[in-house]
Amino acid sequence: MKTKKTFDAVKMMRDIRDKHHEQYKANPELRQKRLSEIKKRYAHKIKT
Protein backbone atom coordinates (compact mmCIF):
# COMPACT_ATOMS: atom_id res chain seq x y z
CA MET A 1 0.00 0.00 0.00
CA LYS A 2 1.81 3.11 -1.22
CA THR A 3 0.58 6.60 -0.73
CA LYS A 4 2.04 9.88 -1.82
CA LYS A 5 2.94 11.69 1.36
CA THR A 6 4.62 15.03 1.69
CA PHE A 7 5.60 14.23 5.28
CA ASP A 8 6.76 10.80 6.46
CA ALA A 9 6.89 10.70 10.27
CA VAL A 10 8.29 7.16 10.43
CA LYS A 11 11.24 8.04 8.20
CA MET A 12 11.87 11.21 10.20
CA MET A 13 11.96 9.28 13.48
CA ARG A 14 14.29 6.66 11.99
CA ASP A 15 16.64 9.39 10.81
CA ILE A 16 16.65 11.04 14.25
CA ARG A 17 17.25 7.69 15.96
CA ASP A 18 20.14 6.85 13.63
CA LYS A 19 21.67 10.30 14.10
CA HIS A 20 21.51 10.00 17.89
CA HIS A 21 22.92 6.47 17.76
CA GLU A 22 25.96 7.70 15.85
CA GLN A 23 26.46 10.60 18.27
CA TYR A 24 26.21 8.37 21.35
CA LYS A 25 28.49 5.76 19.78
CA ALA A 26 31.17 8.43 19.30
CA ASN A 27 30.62 9.99 22.76
CA PRO A 28 28.84 7.72 25.33
CA GLU A 29 28.92 10.41 28.04
CA LEU A 30 26.73 12.64 25.88
CA ARG A 31 23.75 10.34 26.44
CA GLN A 32 24.04 10.54 30.22
CA LYS A 33 24.48 14.32 30.04
CA ARG A 34 21.35 14.76 27.93
CA LEU A 35 19.32 12.43 30.14
CA SER A 36 20.31 14.33 33.27
CA GLU A 37 19.34 17.64 31.60
CA ILE A 38 15.94 16.19 30.70
CA LYS A 39 15.43 14.92 34.25
CA LYS A 40 16.22 18.38 35.65
CA ARG A 41 13.85 20.06 33.20
CA TYR A 42 10.95 17.73 33.89
CA ALA A 43 11.63 16.92 37.57
CA HIS A 44 8.35 18.46 38.66
CA LYS A 45 6.40 16.18 36.29
CA ILE A 46 8.22 12.96 37.20
CA LYS A 47 6.43 11.09 39.98
CA THR A 48 8.57 9.24 42.49
PDB file of N, CA and C in Angstrom:
ATOM      1  N   MET A   1       0.845  -1.164   0.000  1.00  0.00           N
ATOM      2  CA  MET A   1       0.000   0.000   0.000  1.00  0.00           C
ATOM      3  C   MET A   1       0.902   1.243   0.000  1.00  0.00           C
ATOM      4  N   LYS A   2       1.005   1.894  -1.102  1.00  0.00           N
ATOM      5  CA  LYS A   2       1.812   3.109  -1.216  1.00  0.00           C
ATOM      6  C   LYS A   2       0.901   4.312  -1.352  1.00  0.00           C
ATOM      7  N   THR A   3       1.294   5.334  -0.619  1.00  0.00           N
ATOM      8  CA  THR A   3       0.582   6.597  -0.735  1.00  0.00           C
ATOM      9  C   THR A   3       1.598   7.689  -0.998  1.00  0.00           C
ATOM     10  N   LYS A   4       1.150   8.746  -1.582  1.00  0.00           N
ATOM     11  CA  LYS A   4       2.043   9.876  -1.825  1.00  0.00           C
ATOM     12  C   LYS A   4       1.913  10.843  -0.652  1.00  0.00           C
ATOM     13  N   LYS A   5       2.944  10.830   0.185  1.00  0.00           N
ATOM     14  CA  LYS A   5       2.935  11.694   1.356  1.00  0.00           C
ATOM     15  C   LYS A   5       3.966  12.798   1.184  1.00  0.00           C
ATOM     16  N   THR A   6       3.638  13.957   1.684  1.00  0.00           N
ATOM     17  CA  THR A   6       4.622  15.028   1.692  1.00  0.00           C
ATOM     18  C   THR A   6       5.441  14.978   2.965  1.00  0.00           C
ATOM     19  N   PHE A   7       4.923  14.316   3.999  1.00  0.00           N
ATOM     20  CA  PHE A   7       5.602  14.225   5.283  1.00  0.00           C
ATOM     21  C   PHE A   7       5.547  12.789   5.761  1.00  0.00           C
ATOM     22  N   ASP A   8       6.702  12.183   5.988  1.00  0.00           N
ATOM     23  CA  ASP A   8       6.764  10.801   6.455  1.00  0.00           C
ATOM     24  C   ASP A   8       7.337  10.786   7.868  1.00  0.00           C
ATOM     25  N   ALA A   9       6.477  10.647   8.870  1.00  0.00           N
ATOM     26  CA  ALA A   9       6.894  10.704  10.266  1.00  0.00           C
ATOM     27  C   ALA A   9       7.779   9.523  10.643  1.00  0.00           C
ATOM     28  N   VAL A  10       7.505   8.348  10.102  1.00  0.00           N
ATOM     29  CA  VAL A  10       8.290   7.164  10.428  1.00  0.00           C
ATOM     30  C   VAL A  10       9.731   7.335   9.943  1.00  0.00           C
ATOM     31  N   LYS A  11       9.891   7.820   8.737  1.00  0.00           N
ATOM     32  CA  LYS A  11      11.238   8.042   8.200  1.00  0.00           C
ATOM     33  C   LYS A  11      11.972   9.104   9.012  1.00  0.00           C
ATOM     34  N   MET A  12      11.259  10.149   9.409  1.00  0.00           N
ATOM     35  CA  MET A  12      11.873  11.206  10.204  1.00  0.00           C
ATOM     36  C   MET A  12      12.375  10.663  11.539  1.00  0.00           C
ATOM     37  N   MET A  13      11.560   9.848  12.196  1.00  0.00           N
ATOM     38  CA  MET A  13      11.961   9.278  13.480  1.00  0.00           C
ATOM     39  C   MET A  13      13.138   8.315  13.320  1.00  0.00           C
ATOM     40  N   ARG A  14      13.151   7.546  12.250  1.00  0.00           N
ATOM     41  CA  ARG A  14      14.293   6.664  11.991  1.00  0.00           C
ATOM     42  C   ARG A  14      15.567   7.461  11.790  1.00  0.00           C
ATOM     43  N   ASP A  15      15.473   8.550  11.049  1.00  0.00           N
ATOM     44  CA  ASP A  15      16.640   9.394  10.814  1.00  0.00           C
ATOM     45  C   ASP A  15      17.167   9.990  12.117  1.00  0.00           C
ATOM     46  N   ILE A  16      16.256  10.466  12.964  1.00  0.00           N
ATOM     47  CA  ILE A  16      16.649  11.035  14.250  1.00  0.00           C
ATOM     48  C   ILE A  16      17.300   9.964  15.119  1.00  0.00           C
ATOM     49  N   ARG A  17      16.700   8.778  15.155  1.00  0.00           N
ATOM     50  CA  ARG A  17      17.245   7.690  15.960  1.00  0.00           C
ATOM     51  C   ARG A  17      18.639   7.298  15.488  1.00  0.00           C
ATOM     52  N   ASP A  18      18.829   7.210  14.177  1.00  0.00           N
ATOM     53  CA  ASP A  18      20.137   6.853  13.630  1.00  0.00           C
ATOM     54  C   ASP A  18      21.174   7.932  13.922  1.00  0.00           C
ATOM     55  N   LYS A  19      20.761   9.191  13.822  1.00  0.00           N
ATOM     56  CA  LYS A  19      21.672  10.301  14.102  1.00  0.00           C
ATOM     57  C   LYS A  19      22.119  10.268  15.564  1.00  0.00           C
ATOM     58  N   HIS A  20      21.169  10.060  16.478  1.00  0.00           N
ATOM     59  CA  HIS A  20      21.510   9.996  17.895  1.00  0.00           C
ATOM     60  C   HIS A  20      22.382   8.779  18.190  1.00  0.00           C
ATOM     61  N   HIS A  21      22.112   7.675  17.547  1.00  0.00           N
ATOM     62  CA  HIS A  21      22.919   6.471  17.758  1.00  0.00           C
ATOM     63  C   HIS A  21      24.376   6.729  17.388  1.00  0.00           C
ATOM     64  N   GLU A  22      24.597   7.388  16.274  1.00  0.00           N
ATOM     65  CA  GLU A  22      25.960   7.699  15.847  1.00  0.00           C
ATOM     66  C   GLU A  22      26.636   8.658  16.830  1.00  0.00           C
ATOM     67  N   GLN A  23      25.886   9.651  17.315  1.00  0.00           N
ATOM     68  CA  GLN A  23      26.460  10.604  18.271  1.00  0.00           C
ATOM     69  C   GLN A  23      26.835   9.912  19.574  1.00  0.00           C
ATOM     70  N   TYR A  24      25.957   9.041  20.078  1.00  0.00           N
ATOM     71  CA  TYR A  24      26.212   8.370  21.346  1.00  0.00           C
ATOM     72  C   TYR A  24      27.300   7.313  21.210  1.00  0.00           C
ATOM     73  N   LYS A  25      27.427   6.734  20.024  1.00  0.00           N
ATOM     74  CA  LYS A  25      28.488   5.763  19.780  1.00  0.00           C
ATOM     75  C   LYS A  25      29.851   6.455  19.831  1.00  0.00           C
ATOM     76  N   ALA A  26      29.924   7.668  19.297  1.00  0.00           N
ATOM     77  CA  ALA A  26      31.169   8.432  19.302  1.00  0.00           C
ATOM     78  C   ALA A  26      31.470   9.006  20.693  1.00  0.00           C
ATOM     79  N   ASN A  27      30.425   9.355  21.448  1.00  0.00           N
ATOM     80  CA  ASN A  27      30.617   9.990  22.757  1.00  0.00           C
ATOM     81  C   ASN A  27      29.564   9.447  23.735  1.00  0.00           C
ATOM     82  N   PRO A  28      29.841   8.327  24.426  1.00  0.00           N
ATOM     83  CA  PRO A  28      28.842   7.724  25.325  1.00  0.00           C
ATOM     84  C   PRO A  28      28.411   8.625  26.483  1.00  0.00           C
ATOM     85  N   GLU A  29      29.280   9.532  26.926  1.00  0.00           N
ATOM     86  CA  GLU A  29      28.921  10.414  28.041  1.00  0.00           C
ATOM     87  C   GLU A  29      27.835  11.417  27.645  1.00  0.00           C
ATOM     88  N   LEU A  30      27.723  11.689  26.362  1.00  0.00           N
ATOM     89  CA  LEU A  30      26.726  12.639  25.879  1.00  0.00           C
ATOM     90  C   LEU A  30      25.309  12.172  26.204  1.00  0.00           C
ATOM     91  N   ARG A  31      25.077  10.881  26.134  1.00  0.00           N
ATOM     92  CA  ARG A  31      23.752  10.339  26.440  1.00  0.00           C
ATOM     93  C   ARG A  31      23.380  10.599  27.897  1.00  0.00           C
ATOM     94  N   GLN A  32      24.304  10.313  28.798  1.00  0.00           N
ATOM     95  CA  GLN A  32      24.041  10.543  30.216  1.00  0.00           C
ATOM     96  C   GLN A  32      23.832  12.027  30.512  1.00  0.00           C
ATOM     97  N   LYS A  33      24.610  12.876  29.843  1.00  0.00           N
ATOM     98  CA  LYS A  33      24.477  14.318  30.041  1.00  0.00           C
ATOM     99  C   LYS A  33      23.097  14.789  29.602  1.00  0.00           C
ATOM    100  N   ARG A  34      22.671  14.350  28.434  1.00  0.00           N
ATOM    101  CA  ARG A  34      21.355  14.762  27.927  1.00  0.00           C
ATOM    102  C   ARG A  34      20.224  14.234  28.799  1.00  0.00           C
ATOM    103  N   LEU A  35      20.355  12.990  29.272  1.00  0.00           N
ATOM    104  CA  LEU A  35      19.318  12.426  30.136  1.00  0.00           C
ATOM    105  C   LEU A  35      19.219  13.196  31.450  1.00  0.00           C
ATOM    106  N   SER A  36      20.355  13.579  32.016  1.00  0.00           N
ATOM    107  CA  SER A  36      20.310  14.333  33.274  1.00  0.00           C
ATOM    108  C   SER A  36      19.690  15.712  33.056  1.00  0.00           C
ATOM    109  N   GLU A  37      19.961  16.343  31.901  1.00  0.00           N
ATOM    110  CA  GLU A  37      19.335  17.635  31.603  1.00  0.00           C
ATOM    111  C   GLU A  37      17.824  17.495  31.473  1.00  0.00           C
ATOM    112  N   ILE A  38      17.376  16.435  30.844  1.00  0.00           N
ATOM    113  CA  ILE A  38      15.938  16.190  30.697  1.00  0.00           C
ATOM    114  C   ILE A  38      15.297  15.947  32.053  1.00  0.00           C
ATOM    115  N   LYS A  39      15.965  15.184  32.908  1.00  0.00           N
ATOM    116  CA  LYS A  39      15.429  14.918  34.246  1.00  0.00           C
ATOM    117  C   LYS A  39      15.307  16.200  35.056  1.00  0.00           C
ATOM    118  N   LYS A  40      16.291  17.097  34.937  1.00  0.00           N
ATOM    119  CA  LYS A  40      16.218  18.381  35.649  1.00  0.00           C
ATOM    120  C   LYS A  40      15.064  19.219  35.131  1.00  0.00           C
ATOM    121  N   ARG A  41      14.895  19.230  33.802  1.00  0.00           N
ATOM    122  CA  ARG A  41      13.854  20.062  33.196  1.00  0.00           C
ATOM    123  C   ARG A  41      12.462  19.586  33.572  1.00  0.00           C
ATOM    124  N   TYR A  42      12.286  18.265  33.655  1.00  0.00           N
ATOM    125  CA  TYR A  42      10.946  17.726  33.894  1.00  0.00           C
ATOM    126  C   TYR A  42      10.822  17.094  35.281  1.00  0.00           C
ATOM    127  N   ALA A  43      11.644  17.507  36.242  1.00  0.00           N
ATOM    128  CA  ALA A  43      11.633  16.923  37.572  1.00  0.00           C
ATOM    129  C   ALA A  43      10.273  17.108  38.257  1.00  0.00           C
ATOM    130  N   HIS A  44       9.631  18.217  38.013  1.00  0.00           N
ATOM    131  CA  HIS A  44       8.347  18.463  38.658  1.00  0.00           C
ATOM    132  C   HIS A  44       7.231  17.582  38.093  1.00  0.00           C
ATOM    133  N   LYS A  45       7.408  17.046  36.897  1.00  0.00           N
ATOM    134  CA  LYS A  45       6.397  16.184  36.287  1.00  0.00           C
ATOM    135  C   LYS A  45       6.642  14.708  36.556  1.00  0.00           C
ATOM    136  N   ILE A  46       7.872  14.364  36.947  1.00  0.00           N
ATOM    137  CA  ILE A  46       8.218  12.963  37.202  1.00  0.00           C
ATOM    138  C   ILE A  46       7.754  12.588  38.591  1.00  0.00           C
ATOM    139  N   LYS A  47       6.940  11.548  38.678  1.00  0.00           N
ATOM    140  CA  LYS A  47       6.435  11.090  39.975  1.00  0.00           C
ATOM    141  C   LYS A  47       7.405  10.069  40.539  1.00  0.00           C
ATOM    142  N   THR A  48       7.659  10.191  41.835  1.00  0.00           N
ATOM    143  CA  THR A  48       8.567   9.238  42.488  1.00  0.00           C
ATOM    144  C   THR A  48       7.794   8.303  43.373  1.00  0.00           C
TER     145      THR A  48
END
